[in-house]
Amino acid sequence: MSVNPPRPRGPHLNAMRCFETAARVGGFAAAAEELSVTAGAVSQQIKSLEDWIGAPLFERRSQGVVLTPLGDSAREQFSQAFDALGTALHTLRINAPEATVNIAALPAIAQLWLSPRLQRVRQQFPNQSISINALEQAPNLKREICDISLFFGQPTGAKTEQVLGADVIFPVCAPALAAQIANIDDLQSLPRIYDATWVDDWRLWLKAAGAQESAVQSEARFSLYSLALQEARNGAGVMIGHASLVERDLASGALVAPFDVTAHTGKSLILQTLAWPNAETRMSKIIEALLS
């Protein structure tokens, strides 16, 4: 007669995820924010893991929590395990025939670079579901449900990234306003538009042009680059354009570049995915449609 005793139960995956996140970000509150739960829920899950192990993983202090030597000894292994799990799930998603394509992008990139190109994707894949998430910071592709990210950054040479072009900047304005500009000194008498995302743009370009930033007649500041760009189209002032984001406006004549001088921010527009899809997969063809 065979004997099949019940197998010992391991800790819940949520408990291990809470431990890994809290260990990586340095606290229960920060972990709760990343996991979209309460700090109390994180604490409870970690306590259940500690009870299962039979020893504390964090030292609770009045100013927060600190990993115990035992907890610290496993921190890196837990992170590697969840990274591997995220990579495996991502590989399944990008090779699945009908999964929703999740794209994360900087708001300005989503509105000005990505949106016009989505029409080609819809034409080639009329039944494809696409989700666009506008974010200020690039997501961790190993941890978040994101198949493609589009952000400005410094190329690493990784096989999972494709550099779409250097981030080149220069002044742009409406044609009527450009008619009032003969040289750089004329900029001081014209309204200047600033964008909150790239506060150093004007300084970088003026330095490249051999000029210094000085007081102007008037200025307007916007938290949304696309709104600042619309005001430039309306003739409200001169702003710094990022080449990849103003290419359509320059091509249509809605905006013009009154100077030949350009500056490089040191970054590039980069398309990244966690694992580059096989050439014949749906995801690969969608990326090809975006870049064509």
C-alpha atoms as a PDB file:
ATOM      1  CA  MET A   1       0.000   0.000   0.000  1.00  0.00           C
ATOM      2  CA  SER A   2       1.522   3.258  -1.121  1.00  0.00           C
ATOM      3  CA  VAL A   3       1.705   6.146   1.247  1.00  0.00           C
ATOM      4  CA  ASN A   4       1.289   9.670  -0.082  1.00  0.00           C
ATOM      5  CA  PRO A   5       1.745  12.094   2.782  1.00  0.00           C
ATOM      6  CA  PRO A   6       0.751  15.707   2.108  1.00  0.00           C
ATOM      7  CA  ARG A   7       3.600  17.816   0.846  1.00  0.00           C
ATOM      8  CA  PRO A   8       4.774  20.689   3.035  1.00  0.00           C
ATOM      9  CA  ARG A   9       3.210  23.971   2.023  1.00  0.00           C
ATOM     10  CA  GLY A  10       5.535  26.752   0.929  1.00  0.00           C
ATOM     11  CA  PRO A  11       4.942  30.459   1.483  1.00  0.00           C
ATOM     12  CA  HIS A  12       2.512  32.339  -0.739  1.00  0.00           C
ATOM     13  CA  LEU A  13       3.957  34.001  -3.850  1.00  0.00           C
ATOM     14  CA  ASN A  14       2.511  37.354  -2.739  1.00  0.00           C
ATOM     15  CA  ALA A  15       4.479  37.131   0.500  1.00  0.00           C
ATOM     16  CA  MET A  16       7.699  36.532  -1.404  1.00  0.00           C
ATOM     17  CA  ARG A  17       6.916  39.365  -3.820  1.00  0.00           C
ATOM     18  CA  CYS A  18       6.295  41.763  -0.940  1.00  0.00           C
ATOM     19  CA  PHE A  19       9.591  40.775   0.673  1.00  0.00           C
ATOM     20  CA  GLU A  20      11.553  41.210  -2.560  1.00  0.00           C
ATOM     21  CA  THR A  21       9.996  44.590  -3.286  1.00  0.00           C
ATOM     22  CA  ALA A  22      10.460  45.931   0.251  1.00  0.00           C
ATOM     23  CA  ALA A  23      14.060  44.708   0.295  1.00  0.00           C
ATOM     24  CA  ARG A  24      14.765  46.324  -3.078  1.00  0.00           C
ATOM     25  CA  VAL A  25      13.132  49.709  -2.464  1.00  0.00           C
ATOM     26  CA  GLY A  26      14.058  49.926   1.212  1.00  0.00           C
ATOM     27  CA  GLY A  27      10.754  50.023   3.054  1.00  0.00           C
ATOM     28  CA  PHE A  28       7.174  48.832   3.403  1.00  0.00           C
ATOM     29  CA  ALA A  29       5.572  52.134   2.325  1.00  0.00           C
ATOM     30  CA  ALA A  30       7.634  52.362  -0.868  1.00  0.00           C
ATOM     31  CA  ALA A  31       6.909  48.704  -1.604  1.00  0.00           C
ATOM     32  CA  ALA A  32       3.201  49.297  -1.084  1.00  0.00           C
ATOM     33  CA  GLU A  33       3.276  52.160  -3.589  1.00  0.00           C
ATOM     34  CA  GLU A  34       4.994  50.020  -6.221  1.00  0.00           C
ATOM     35  CA  LEU A  35       2.637  47.085  -5.657  1.00  0.00           C
ATOM     36  CA  SER A  36      -0.503  49.270  -5.412  1.00  0.00           C
ATOM     37  CA  VAL A  37      -1.476  47.917  -1.991  1.00  0.00           C
ATOM     38  CA  THR A  38      -1.355  49.316   1.537  1.00  0.00           C
ATOM     39  CA  ALA A  39       1.737  49.333   3.726  1.00  0.00           C
ATOM     40  CA  GLY A  40      -0.243  47.247   6.202  1.00  0.00           C
ATOM     41  CA  ALA A  41      -0.837  44.586   3.561  1.00  0.00           C
ATOM     42  CA  VAL A  42       2.883  44.476   2.766  1.00  0.00           C
ATOM     43  CA  SER A  43       3.728  44.173   6.455  1.00  0.00           C
ATOM     44  CA  GLN A  44       1.210  41.363   6.900  1.00  0.00           C
ATOM     45  CA  GLN A  45       2.524  39.404   3.920  1.00  0.00           C
ATOM     46  CA  ILE A  46       6.129  39.740   5.082  1.00  0.00           C
ATOM     47  CA  LYS A  47       5.124  38.681   8.595  1.00  0.00           C
ATOM     48  CA  SER A  48       3.567  35.520   7.146  1.00  0.00           C
ATOM     49  CA  LEU A  49       6.845  34.777   5.335  1.00  0.00           C
ATOM     50  CA  GLU A  50       8.819  35.379   8.530  1.00  0.00           C
ATOM     51  CA  ASP A  51       6.483  33.040  10.419  1.00  0.00           C
ATOM     52  CA  TRP A  52       7.013  30.356   7.792  1.00  0.00           C
ATOM     53  CA  ILE A  53      10.797  30.776   7.961  1.00  0.00           C
ATOM     54  CA  GLY A  54      10.833  31.084  11.723  1.00  0.00           C
ATOM     55  CA  ALA A  55      13.030  34.188  11.830  1.00  0.00           C
ATOM     56  CA  PRO A  56      12.681  37.936  11.148  1.00  0.00           C
ATOM     57  CA  LEU A  57      13.724  39.284   7.754  1.00  0.00           C
ATOM     58  CA  PHE A  58      13.372  42.951   8.705  1.00  0.00           C
ATOM     59  CA  GLU A  59      14.215  44.831  11.851  1.00  0.00           C
ATOM     60  CA  ARG A  60      11.332  47.165  12.706  1.00  0.00           C
ATOM     61  CA  ARG A  61      12.500  50.589  13.869  1.00  0.00           C
ATOM     62  CA  SER A  62      10.756  53.859  14.678  1.00  0.00           C
ATOM     63  CA  GLN A  63      12.170  55.395  11.485  1.00  0.00           C
ATOM     64  CA  GLY A  64      11.306  52.442   9.258  1.00  0.00           C
ATOM     65  CA  VAL A  65      12.621  48.961   8.583  1.00  0.00           C
ATOM     66  CA  VAL A  66      16.075  47.534   7.929  1.00  0.00           C
ATOM     67  CA  LEU A  67      16.929  44.125   6.520  1.00  0.00           C
ATOM     68  CA  THR A  68      18.313  41.650   9.004  1.00  0.00           C
ATOM     69  CA  PRO A  69      21.488  39.799   7.976  1.00  0.00           C
ATOM     70  CA  LEU A  70      19.267  36.812   7.122  1.00  0.00           C
ATOM     71  CA  GLY A  71      16.978  38.919   4.937  1.00  0.00           C
ATOM     72  CA  ASP A  72      19.911  40.622   3.249  1.00  0.00           C
ATOM     73  CA  SER A  73      21.510  37.269   2.451  1.00  0.00           C
ATOM     74  CA  ALA A  74      18.528  36.316   0.257  1.00  0.00           C
ATOM     75  CA  ARG A  75      17.709  39.721  -1.223  1.00  0.00           C
ATOM     76  CA  GLU A  76      19.673  39.348  -4.460  1.00  0.00           C
ATOM     77  CA  GLN A  77      18.458  35.803  -5.108  1.00  0.00           C
ATOM     78  CA  PHE A  78      14.833  36.882  -4.698  1.00  0.00           C
ATOM     79  CA  SER A  79      15.350  39.793  -7.113  1.00  0.00           C
ATOM     80  CA  GLN A  80      16.966  37.526  -9.694  1.00  0.00           C
ATOM     81  CA  ALA A  81      14.111  35.053  -9.352  1.00  0.00           C
ATOM     82  CA  PHE A  82      11.408  37.666  -9.931  1.00  0.00           C
ATOM     83  CA  ASP A  83      13.395  39.188 -12.803  1.00  0.00           C
ATOM     84  CA  ALA A  84      13.568  35.743 -14.404  1.00  0.00           C
ATOM     85  CA  LEU A  85       9.841  35.241 -13.863  1.00  0.00           C
ATOM     86  CA  GLY A  86       9.081  38.621 -15.440  1.00  0.00           C
ATOM     87  CA  THR A  87      11.309  37.835 -18.416  1.00  0.00           C
ATOM     88  CA  ALA A  88       9.590  34.480 -18.933  1.00  0.00           C
ATOM     89  CA  LEU A  89       6.145  36.086 -18.859  1.00  0.00           C
ATOM     90  CA  HIS A  90       7.290  38.786 -21.274  1.00  0.00           C
ATOM     91  CA  THR A  91       8.589  36.145 -23.689  1.00  0.00           C
ATOM     92  CA  LEU A  92       5.190  34.452 -23.640  1.00  0.00           C
ATOM     93  CA  ARG A  93       3.410  37.747 -24.272  1.00  0.00           C
ATOM     94  CA  ILE A  94       5.481  38.917 -27.236  1.00  0.00           C
ATOM     95  CA  ASN A  95       5.133  35.563 -28.970  1.00  0.00           C
ATOM     96  CA  ALA A  96       1.431  35.061 -28.213  1.00  0.00           C
ATOM     97  CA  PRO A  97      -0.781  35.477 -31.304  1.00  0.00           C
ATOM     98  CA  GLU A  98      -3.516  37.734 -29.876  1.00  0.00           C
ATOM     99  CA  ALA A  99      -2.241  39.360 -26.678  1.00  0.00           C
ATOM    100  CA  THR A 100      -2.785  43.081 -26.128  1.00  0.00           C
ATOM    101  CA  VAL A 101       0.319  45.097 -26.971  1.00  0.00           C
ATOM    102  CA  ASN A 102       1.216  47.346 -24.031  1.00  0.00           C
ATOM    103  CA  ILE A 103       3.315  50.387 -24.930  1.00  0.00           C
ATOM    104  CA  ALA A 104       4.765  52.813 -22.375  1.00  0.00           C
ATOM    105  CA  ALA A 105       6.075  56.166 -23.550  1.00  0.00           C
ATOM    106  CA  LEU A 106       6.954  59.617 -22.329  1.00  0.00           C
ATOM    107  CA  PRO A 107       3.772  61.734 -22.754  1.00  0.00           C
ATOM    108  CA  ALA A 108       5.338  63.941 -25.446  1.00  0.00           C
ATOM    109  CA  ILE A 109       6.613  60.893 -27.336  1.00  0.00           C
ATOM    110  CA  ALA A 110       3.227  59.181 -27.045  1.00  0.00           C
ATOM    111  CA  GLN A 111       1.385  62.203 -28.432  1.00  0.00           C
ATOM    112  CA  LEU A 112       3.802  63.480 -31.063  1.00  0.00           C
ATOM    113  CA  TRP A 113       5.817  60.470 -32.252  1.00  0.00           C
ATOM    114  CA  LEU A 114       3.789  57.366 -31.443  1.00  0.00           C
ATOM    115  CA  SER A 115       0.213  58.475 -32.089  1.00  0.00           C
ATOM    116  CA  PRO A 116       0.717  59.364 -35.787  1.00  0.00           C
ATOM    117  CA  ARG A 117       2.340  55.966 -36.381  1.00  0.00           C
ATOM    118  CA  LEU A 118      -0.429  53.934 -34.775  1.00  0.00           C
ATOM    119  CA  GLN A 119      -2.546  54.323 -37.896  1.00  0.00           C
ATOM    120  CA  ARG A 120      -0.142  52.070 -39.797  1.00  0.00           C
ATOM    121  CA  VAL A 121      -0.434  49.447 -37.053  1.00  0.00           C
ATOM    122  CA  ARG A 122      -4.242  49.609 -37.176  1.00  0.00           C
ATOM    123  CA  GLN A 123      -4.207  49.250 -40.950  1.00  0.00           C
ATOM    124  CA  GLN A 124      -1.968  46.184 -40.877  1.00  0.00           C
ATOM    125  CA  PHE A 125      -3.494  44.656 -37.733  1.00  0.00           C
ATOM    126  CA  PRO A 126      -7.149  45.805 -37.635  1.00  0.00           C
ATOM    127  CA  ASN A 127      -8.054  43.389 -34.826  1.00  0.00           C
ATOM    128  CA  GLN A 128      -5.029  44.101 -32.648  1.00  0.00           C
ATOM    129  CA  SER A 129      -5.681  45.519 -29.167  1.00  0.00           C
ATOM    130  CA  ILE A 130      -3.186  48.178 -28.094  1.00  0.00           C
ATOM    131  CA  SER A 131      -2.787  49.873 -24.713  1.00  0.00           C
ATOM    132  CA  ILE A 132      -0.776  53.107 -24.413  1.00  0.00           C
ATOM    133  CA  ASN A 133       0.496  54.195 -21.001  1.00  0.00           C
ATOM    134  CA  ALA A 134       2.026  57.685 -20.773  1.00  0.00           C
ATOM    135  CA  LEU A 135       4.694  57.753 -18.055  1.00  0.00           C
ATOM    136  CA  GLU A 136       7.289  60.274 -16.912  1.00  0.00           C
ATOM    137  CA  GLN A 137       9.825  57.541 -16.138  1.00  0.00           C
ATOM    138  CA  ALA A 138      10.685  54.447 -18.162  1.00  0.00           C
ATOM    139  CA  PRO A 139       9.163  51.313 -16.590  1.00  0.00           C
ATOM    140  CA  ASN A 140      11.058  48.280 -15.376  1.00  0.00           C
ATOM    141  CA  LEU A 141      10.137  45.870 -18.159  1.00  0.00           C
ATOM    142  CA  LYS A 142      10.952  42.906 -15.942  1.00  0.00           C
ATOM    143  CA  ARG A 143       8.340  43.925 -13.380  1.00  0.00           C
ATOM    144  CA  GLU A 144       5.594  45.788 -15.214  1.00  0.00           C
ATOM    145  CA  ILE A 145       3.127  44.725 -17.885  1.00  0.00           C
ATOM    146  CA  CYS A 146       4.815  46.533 -20.729  1.00  0.00           C
ATOM    147  CA  ASP A 147       5.914  45.106 -24.067  1.00  0.00           C
ATOM    148  CA  ILE A 148       7.474  48.181 -25.661  1.00  0.00           C
ATOM    149  CA  SER A 149       8.888  51.352 -24.112  1.00  0.00           C
ATOM    150  CA  LEU A 150       9.692  54.605 -25.920  1.00  0.00           C
ATOM    151  CA  PHE A 151      11.815  57.092 -23.994  1.00  0.00           C
ATOM    152  CA  PHE A 152      14.788  59.363 -24.375  1.00  0.00           C
ATOM    153  CA  GLY A 153      17.872  57.849 -22.789  1.00  0.00           C
ATOM    154  CA  GLN A 154      21.486  56.932 -23.260  1.00  0.00           C
ATOM    155  CA  PRO A 155      22.001  53.862 -25.480  1.00  0.00           C
ATOM    156  CA  THR A 156      23.542  50.862 -23.745  1.00  0.00           C
ATOM    157  CA  GLY A 157      24.172  48.724 -26.813  1.00  0.00           C
ATOM    158  CA  ALA A 158      21.785  46.057 -25.543  1.00  0.00           C
ATOM    159  CA  LYS A 159      20.241  43.757 -28.133  1.00  0.00           C
ATOM    160  CA  THR A 160      16.804  44.580 -26.727  1.00  0.00           C
ATOM    161  CA  GLU A 161      16.960  48.262 -27.680  1.00  0.00           C
ATOM    162  CA  GLN A 162      16.748  50.058 -30.983  1.00  0.00           C
ATOM    163  CA  VAL A 163      18.066  53.611 -31.220  1.00  0.00           C
ATOM    164  CA  LEU A 164      15.670  55.636 -33.365  1.00  0.00           C
ATOM    165  CA  GLY A 165      17.767  58.783 -33.503  1.00  0.00           C
ATOM    166  CA  ALA A 166      19.817  61.237 -31.470  1.00  0.00           C
ATOM    167  CA  ASP A 167      17.895  63.783 -29.404  1.00  0.00           C
ATOM    168  CA  VAL A 168      18.726  66.930 -31.364  1.00  0.00           C
ATOM    169  CA  ILE A 169      17.209  70.254 -30.301  1.00  0.00           C
ATOM    170  CA  PHE A 170      16.789  73.689 -31.933  1.00  0.00           C
ATOM    171  CA  PRO A 171      14.385  76.662 -31.803  1.00  0.00           C
ATOM    172  CA  VAL A 172      11.089  76.417 -33.683  1.00  0.00           C
ATOM    173  CA  CYS A 173       8.265  78.877 -34.195  1.00  0.00           C
ATOM    174  CA  ALA A 174       5.399  79.771 -36.503  1.00  0.00           C
ATOM    175  CA  PRO A 175       6.419  81.111 -39.951  1.00  0.00           C
ATOM    176  CA  ALA A 176       5.028  84.586 -39.202  1.00  0.00           C
ATOM    177  CA  LEU A 177       7.191  84.859 -36.104  1.00  0.00           C
ATOM    178  CA  ALA A 178      10.241  83.516 -37.927  1.00  0.00           C
ATOM    179  CA  ALA A 179       9.961  86.440 -40.349  1.00  0.00           C
ATOM    180  CA  GLN A 180      10.892  88.728 -37.435  1.00  0.00           C
ATOM    181  CA  ILE A 181      14.139  86.851 -36.719  1.00  0.00           C
ATOM    182  CA  ALA A 182      17.331  87.845 -38.510  1.00  0.00           C
ATOM    183  CA  ASN A 183      19.856  86.795 -35.849  1.00  0.00           C
ATOM    184  CA  ILE A 184      20.085  85.356 -32.338  1.00  0.00           C
ATOM    185  CA  ASP A 185      19.815  88.796 -30.729  1.00  0.00           C
ATOM    186  CA  ASP A 186      16.290  89.101 -32.122  1.00  0.00           C
ATOM    187  CA  LEU A 187      15.187  86.297 -29.780  1.00  0.00           C
ATOM    188  CA  GLN A 188      15.355  88.691 -26.822  1.00  0.00           C
ATOM    189  CA  SER A 189      12.484  90.753 -28.193  1.00  0.00           C
ATOM    190  CA  LEU A 190      10.217  87.765 -28.853  1.00  0.00           C
ATOM    191  CA  PRO A 191       8.144  85.698 -26.407  1.00  0.00           C
ATOM    192  CA  ARG A 192       9.934  82.560 -25.295  1.00  0.00           C
ATOM    193  CA  ILE A 193       8.179  79.267 -24.533  1.00  0.00           C
ATOM    194  CA  TYR A 194       9.536  76.901 -21.896  1.00  0.00           C
ATOM    195  CA  ASP A 195       8.611  73.288 -21.215  1.00  0.00           C
ATOM    196  CA  ALA A 196       8.742  71.891 -17.678  1.00  0.00           C
ATOM    197  CA  THR A 197      10.028  68.493 -18.808  1.00  0.00           C
ATOM    198  CA  TRP A 198      13.215  69.831 -20.394  1.00  0.00           C
ATOM    199  CA  VAL A 199      14.060  72.941 -18.399  1.00  0.00           C
ATOM    200  CA  ASP A 200      17.646  73.125 -19.710  1.00  0.00           C
ATOM    201  CA  ASP A 201      16.785  73.082 -23.408  1.00  0.00           C
ATOM    202  CA  TRP A 202      17.199  76.794 -24.008  1.00  0.00           C
ATOM    203  CA  ARG A 203      20.485  76.925 -22.092  1.00  0.00           C
ATOM    204  CA  LEU A 204      21.872  73.951 -24.041  1.00  0.00           C
ATOM    205  CA  TRP A 205      20.971  75.409 -27.408  1.00  0.00           C
ATOM    206  CA  LEU A 206      22.174  78.930 -26.611  1.00  0.00           C
ATOM    207  CA  LYS A 207      25.499  77.477 -25.478  1.00  0.00           C
ATOM    208  CA  ALA A 208      25.805  75.564 -28.766  1.00  0.00           C
ATOM    209  CA  ALA A 209      25.031  78.797 -30.609  1.00  0.00           C
ATOM    210  CA  GLY A 210      27.703  80.692 -28.682  1.00  0.00           C
ATOM    211  CA  ALA A 211      25.182  82.840 -26.830  1.00  0.00           C
ATOM    212  CA  GLN A 212      24.105  83.239 -23.218  1.00  0.00           C
ATOM    213  CA  GLU A 213      20.640  83.031 -21.736  1.00  0.00           C
ATOM    214  CA  SER A 214      19.359  86.496 -20.931  1.00  0.00           C
ATOM    215  CA  ALA A 215      16.130  88.236 -20.029  1.00  0.00           C
ATOM    216  CA  VAL A 216      13.444  88.205 -22.705  1.00  0.00           C
ATOM    217  CA  GLN A 217      10.416  90.368 -23.362  1.00  0.00           C
ATOM    218  CA  SER A 218       7.996  87.738 -22.069  1.00  0.00           C
ATOM    219  CA  GLU A 219       7.843  84.025 -21.446  1.00  0.00           C
ATOM    220  CA  ALA A 220       5.312  81.235 -21.019  1.00  0.00           C
ATOM    221  CA  ARG A 221       5.869  77.948 -19.209  1.00  0.00           C
ATOM    222  CA  PHE A 222       3.944  74.727 -19.794  1.00  0.00           C
ATOM    223  CA  SER A 223       3.909  71.389 -18.004  1.00  0.00           C
ATOM    224  CA  LEU A 224       2.901  69.593 -21.214  1.00  0.00           C
ATOM    225  CA  TYR A 225       5.287  69.659 -24.161  1.00  0.00           C
ATOM    226  CA  SER A 226       2.447  69.071 -26.619  1.00  0.00           C
ATOM    227  CA  LEU A 227       0.596  72.124 -25.270  1.00  0.00           C
ATOM    228  CA  ALA A 228       3.741  74.240 -25.531  1.00  0.00           C
ATOM    229  CA  LEU A 229       4.128  73.051 -29.117  1.00  0.00           C
ATOM    230  CA  GLN A 230       0.544  73.994 -29.932  1.00  0.00           C
ATOM    231  CA  GLU A 231       1.173  77.489 -28.600  1.00  0.00           C
ATOM    232  CA  ALA A 232       4.258  77.724 -30.804  1.00  0.00           C
ATOM    233  CA  ARG A 233       2.099  76.755 -33.797  1.00  0.00           C
ATOM    234  CA  ASN A 234      -0.322  79.513 -32.789  1.00  0.00           C
ATOM    235  CA  GLY A 235       2.474  82.067 -32.956  1.00  0.00           C
ATOM    236  CA  ALA A 236       2.672  82.596 -29.189  1.00  0.00           C
ATOM    237  CA  GLY A 237       6.470  82.426 -29.064  1.00  0.00           C
ATOM    238  CA  VAL A 238       9.668  80.575 -29.849  1.00  0.00           C
ATOM    239  CA  MET A 239      10.348  77.234 -28.186  1.00  0.00           C
ATOM    240  CA  ILE A 240      12.971  74.518 -28.351  1.00  0.00           C
ATOM    241  CA  GLY A 241      11.917  71.632 -30.544  1.00  0.00           C
ATOM    242  CA  HIS A 242      13.148  68.064 -30.245  1.00  0.00           C
ATOM    243  CA  ALA A 243      13.796  66.820 -33.780  1.00  0.00           C
ATOM    244  CA  SER A 244      11.882  63.552 -33.412  1.00  0.00           C
ATOM    245  CA  LEU A 245       8.858  65.365 -31.953  1.00  0.00           C
ATOM    246  CA  VAL A 246       8.575  68.279 -34.387  1.00  0.00           C
ATOM    247  CA  GLU A 247       9.356  66.485 -37.655  1.00  0.00           C
ATOM    248  CA  ARG A 248       5.726  66.461 -38.788  1.00  0.00           C
ATOM    249  CA  ASP A 249       5.249  70.157 -37.996  1.00  0.00           C
ATOM    250  CA  LEU A 250       8.399  71.061 -39.908  1.00  0.00           C
ATOM    251  CA  ALA A 251       7.346  68.914 -42.867  1.00  0.00           C
ATOM    252  CA  SER A 252       3.873  70.488 -42.984  1.00  0.00           C
ATOM    253  CA  GLY A 253       5.175  74.036 -42.552  1.00  0.00           C
ATOM    254  CA  ALA A 254       3.232  74.605 -39.334  1.00  0.00           C
ATOM    255  CA  LEU A 255       6.585  75.337 -37.698  1.00  0.00           C
ATOM    256  CA  VAL A 256       9.937  76.440 -39.041  1.00  0.00           C
ATOM    257  CA  ALA A 257      13.468  76.354 -37.640  1.00  0.00           C
ATOM    258  CA  PRO A 258      14.881  79.888 -37.961  1.00  0.00           C
ATOM    259  CA  PHE A 259      18.484  78.827 -37.240  1.00  0.00           C
ATOM    260  CA  ASP A 260      20.793  76.145 -38.611  1.00  0.00           C
ATOM    261  CA  VAL A 261      22.485  75.631 -35.230  1.00  0.00           C
ATOM    262  CA  THR A 262      21.463  72.475 -33.368  1.00  0.00           C
ATOM    263  CA  ALA A 263      22.453  70.996 -30.013  1.00  0.00           C
ATOM    264  CA  HIS A 264      22.628  67.413 -28.788  1.00  0.00           C
ATOM    265  CA  THR A 265      21.203  66.567 -25.378  1.00  0.00           C
ATOM    266  CA  GLY A 266      23.418  63.488 -25.083  1.00  0.00           C
ATOM    267  CA  LYS A 267      20.386  61.203 -25.259  1.00  0.00           C
ATOM    268  CA  SER A 268      18.567  59.315 -27.997  1.00  0.00           C
ATOM    269  CA  LEU A 269      15.025  58.196 -28.691  1.00  0.00           C
ATOM    270  CA  ILE A 270      15.095  54.499 -27.825  1.00  0.00           C
ATOM    271  CA  LEU A 271      12.575  51.730 -28.427  1.00  0.00           C
ATOM    272  CA  GLN A 272      13.104  48.925 -25.960  1.00  0.00           C
ATOM    273  CA  THR A 273      11.587  45.554 -25.235  1.00  0.00           C
ATOM    274  CA  LEU A 274      12.652  43.019 -22.643  1.00  0.00           C
ATOM    275  CA  ALA A 275      13.312  40.219 -25.119  1.00  0.00           C
ATOM    276  CA  TRP A 276      13.467  41.043 -28.822  1.00  0.00           C
ATOM    277  CA  PRO A 277      10.706  39.092 -30.592  1.00  0.00           C
ATOM    278  CA  ASN A 278      11.348  36.466 -33.235  1.00  0.00           C
ATOM    279  CA  ALA A 279      11.320  37.896 -36.762  1.00  0.00           C
ATOM    280  CA  GLU A 280       8.017  36.317 -37.803  1.00  0.00           C
ATOM    281  CA  THR A 281       6.015  37.025 -34.646  1.00  0.00           C
ATOM    282  CA  ARG A 282       3.121  39.462 -34.408  1.00  0.00           C
ATOM    283  CA  MET A 283       5.081  41.683 -32.013  1.00  0.00           C
ATOM    284  CA  SER A 284       8.017  41.937 -34.398  1.00  0.00           C
ATOM    285  CA  LYS A 285       5.714  42.941 -37.240  1.00  0.00           C
ATOM    286  CA  ILE A 286       4.011  45.557 -35.063  1.00  0.00           C
ATOM    287  CA  ILE A 287       7.384  47.088 -34.201  1.00  0.00           C
ATOM    288  CA  GLU A 288       8.267  47.040 -37.901  1.00  0.00           C
ATOM    289  CA  ALA A 289       5.020  48.880 -38.691  1.00  0.00           C
ATOM    290  CA  LEU A 290       5.808  51.539 -36.083  1.00  0.00           C
ATOM    291  CA  LEU A 291       9.272  52.126 -37.496  1.00  0.00           C
ATOM    292  CA  SER A 292       8.446  51.983 -41.213  1.00  0.00           C
END
